[in-house]
Structure formats: structure tokens, C-alpha cells
């Protein structure tokens, strides 16, 4: 048969080349023999066994190869041979360079072959991460994600895909309008009469009548800060401790969480108020004056700033704090914060990137649930279901300070179509009402689990936004990050994707897509109950939680463990065990800022 035909069959291998668009490399093909010379660059779907001493393939030909019975070939171990060791089995042993090159292994986790020297590095760190390896997600639909083996996972954390992964309405809106995308330089484009700004105005207070569009929540925060400074002639900003508002260079000082992770010194124009955490903060729920004390501390901070000649331009905060661990500030505290900042001449900015669009169930925006009205409202990628779009809503007077630059923030046709599609799905599928109903069920069941299991210290949230505080004991309230890490990885084995956040990374977060159903909630509760029941009643073993000796455990994440609810994986280090702690510190410092990039 011609060598360029779609299917070529030879004993002992069947080669399916229907997906290949490249000409075969003569180095790897010898059709006149019964096998392959110098090995073969294998495809992903199945396990194949190779002798590394004979293997030298270095091309990524995306072809499917199925081993069949036949005679031996250089570099190939056939199916009739005894079962050989896989990466995981071999990693449990000490392997020298020579033994690696003389042993056959299963190569199944990469399209591109690894030379022996690279394999040694992989095997050296394999014992640290193979049981907590990252998911290889290849597709997603609504509230489900699928890996490369087609296993289905329930997504409980991706708030960016607001109405569901790859929602057909959004996919169609993008595909239809992308056909007419126009990019010009130096020319002003009239996109015609757009619907989306009008529809946004209908679900917002009347004074928020001007909309500026950009590509991400971080950019929207940057724009909101510019507006506040230009309008008030002030420079300073008030933020809440441990909050996150983006990580780009111009605004990372507004995110104390990012600053702490990267050891960044607080800028003198940023004033950080104590987070009003009634569970773990300095003033807790057993103190009847707790809220008043938090308000008094904030007032002292603002007064001191003014006494030193600082002029406050804005107070920026999520009405309900997600990244710090789903902390819902007392409504009276937030109302007092708005009052104090406005008395100084500053503006109040509500960051609704993760809390808006009906997620709280009772209201379309979380600032409405807190009974406050912002001067500037920030929306992020959830308004486009993950499509790179964001918006800043404000009044005409405030937006006017941009002058001619306001033309740079127009809504495009694609943004218009995608934004309208998301709002239509929210309304037609009654997702806000669903969030309220499913959220009430979740709250009741999570409180039941809290009473049943000793490691659940607190359950807080509403709608489809919950935080589950994991502690060593309810009495001490000591954060149990090791248990939280263990639960996240065990839930992954139960095909449920969760993540842990909070200042101590001990808070299990639930922020699923809005299409999350009561059946999904019941499944989540059942599997959470199962995982908690498996935990020992005595003090949890830190060795078991991290896979490392107790004396090597610090507050940084174990290598290969999910970094927050984004699923960002730390690089696999090839250091010896005794240098894991210092290496982990370095990795955390370099990647902490990147870990939160697509939250907006």
C-alpha cells in the first residue's frame, strides 16, 4: 500500500494515521520490516512499553498505535511479554541512570517522548506528586468537566463560567459575531445601536447609567481607580485586609493577599482596614459590640490618614469577600464604611466580579443584599461567561473626567452579543431563583455536616457562594490547612472539583456555575460526608495530609497540590527531599501572584 495512504497495516503494529497531517519521518518508519526502527513516538490514548536503551524518538506525530501480537522489534515490548513497571511503580525505588536505561516503562502521560535524562528527573520527583497529580481537563460542558480519560467531574469552584462551561448560547454568540470583527488603528468605529448597555442599565440603580468596557476585571479595577482619582483629586485608597482585586502592576497594591504572598511592602497610598471576620477576627460573634469595634478601628485608620495630609480617593471592596474565605461582612459595617469614606470626599467602589449576576440568590447584585449603593461598579469575565470582557458602571459625571479617552472603552459587537446571551440565559433559565433554592438546601446540609464532623468549624455563605472553615477542633478554631488539602484531593478522587482558600488556606470554597442543581448539591454533600467520615477521630496525621514528613511541613502548599480554586499547579521540582521546604518557599513567591490571574 502507498505509504501516504490513510491507513497502513503491517505486522506486528497497526498504525492509524487518519489524524496526522505531517509526512512521516524516515528515521522512524521502515515499512519493509516487521517493526519500527529506533522506537516510535507514541500517542496518548493507551499505555505502551518501551526499552529506553533503544528509544530515541523525538517527534510528536499525533498518531494512534495499537500493539498486536507479533515478533519482536527494536525498541518495542509487545503485549505478550510479561507486564512491565509503570512510572508510579518504578518511582518507589531508587533508580540510577544505568538502571533507568535498561528497564522498560509505561509511557502514557505525554504526547512527546522523554529522553532518559529527562525521565530520571521526572521519576525523581514522582513520589512527591503522582497521587496528587494535576487533572488533564480536555473539555467541559455546563457544570461538568472531562479529563483525557473521559471521566466526568462536578465543578464546584469555577465562578468565571457563570452560566456553565461552553454554554451553547455563548458559543453561538461568539461564533456568529466573530465573522464581522473589525480592528482598526486610529479610526473611531460606530458599532450601531447596541443592546447590552441598555439591558445592564435595567438591572442597576438609575445613577449607574454609563458603561465602560475592557478585557478583564483587573483592567476594570485599574480603570475604576483612575476614575476615582480624577474625580476626587485624591490619591489614596482604602481596602480590606486579605482582599484580592487583581494582580496587574498598576493595582496589585490594592490586593493585600497578593502583596503578602510576594513580600511586597505596602504602598503609602493604600490604607488597609481589618477584615470584619466574626469567626476568626479580633472581634468575634460572641462579642455584642464586635461590629462597633470594627467600625471604630476603620474610623481611626481614616482619621490618621487625613491627619497626615493624605486625601482618600476611594474605598474598594467586594460586598461579600470571596478569596479571603467567603466572609460576609455585617451589613451595618459596610454601610458605615460607605458613609465614612463619602464624608472624606471619596468614592465607594463595589467589586462584583465574583459576587454579582444573581449568585447570592436573593438579589442580582451582592451590594443590594448589603443595602448599599456604590458610586462605581466593577464587573469581570463572568459577565461574558469567561469570554475576555469586563465593565465599569458609573454615573455620567464621573465618567466624564476621562474626556476623549472615554471612546477607548466602547462595547464591541462581540461583547454586546455575549453579554446579552448571558443575561438572557440567566432570565430564561431562572438561574437566580435556582441559586436561592439550591443555596438554601446546601446551607441546611452543610450545617448538618458541621454538627456531625469535628473538623468543620464554620459554614458561611448564601446562594451559590459558600465557605467551609476546616479546623483542628471547634474549640481551638486552629486552621487545619493539611486537612483541607487532603479533602480537596480526596474529593478529586470522588470526581468533585473543590479548592481551599482563605488566609490560612483552610477554607473549602463552593462557587460553582449557576446551572448547579439540587441533584449536584446532594451528590456534593454525600461525597463530602464520605470523605469527612474517613478522617480519623484523633488528631489528623500531617504526614498523611501532605505526603511529607511532619518536620518538613510548613504553611506552603505541597508540591503538586492545587494552588487555590484555579487549579494552578506548582512546577514539579527535582530537588532532594531535604531542600523541599526552601524550594517550595521560592516557588510560592514566584507564582503566588499568577495563581489568581483569571479570577477576574
Foldseek 3Di string as FASTA:
>chain_A
DDPPDQWDDAPPKTKGQVPFPDDDDPQFDDPVDRHTAQADQAAADDWFKWQLLSHDDFDQGHIHMDGHDDDDDGGGDGPVDPDFEELVVVLVDDDDLVNQNGGMYIDHDDSGDDHSVVSVLCSLLCLQAVLLFFFQWDAWWFQWTAGPNRDIFGEFFDCLLARGGPPVLLVVLQVVCVVPDDDDPPDFDDQDDFDQLVVVCVQAPVQLNDKFKDFFQLVLVVVVQVLLCLVQVFNAEEEEAQADRAQDPVCNLNHNVLCVLQVNDRDPRYFYAYDLAQQPGPHHPVDPCSLVVSLVRVLVSVVVCVVVPHQYREYEYACFGAQQFRHHHQLVSVVSVCVSNVVSVYFYEHEQQRPACLQQLVGRGVVVVSVDHGQKYWYGSSLLSNGRMIMITHGPVSLCSCPPCSSVGDQHSSNSSSNVSSNVCCVVVVLSNQLQVLFVVLVVLVVVVPVVFFQFQDWDGGRQKIKTFGAQGNVVSHGDQLVQLQLQSVVVVVSYHWAFGRPLSRIIIGRTHSVQHNVNSVSVSVSSSVSRVPADPPGGDSCVSSVADPVLDDSFHRQNGQDGSVRDHFDRDSDDNVCRNVVRSVSSNVCVSVSCNRSD
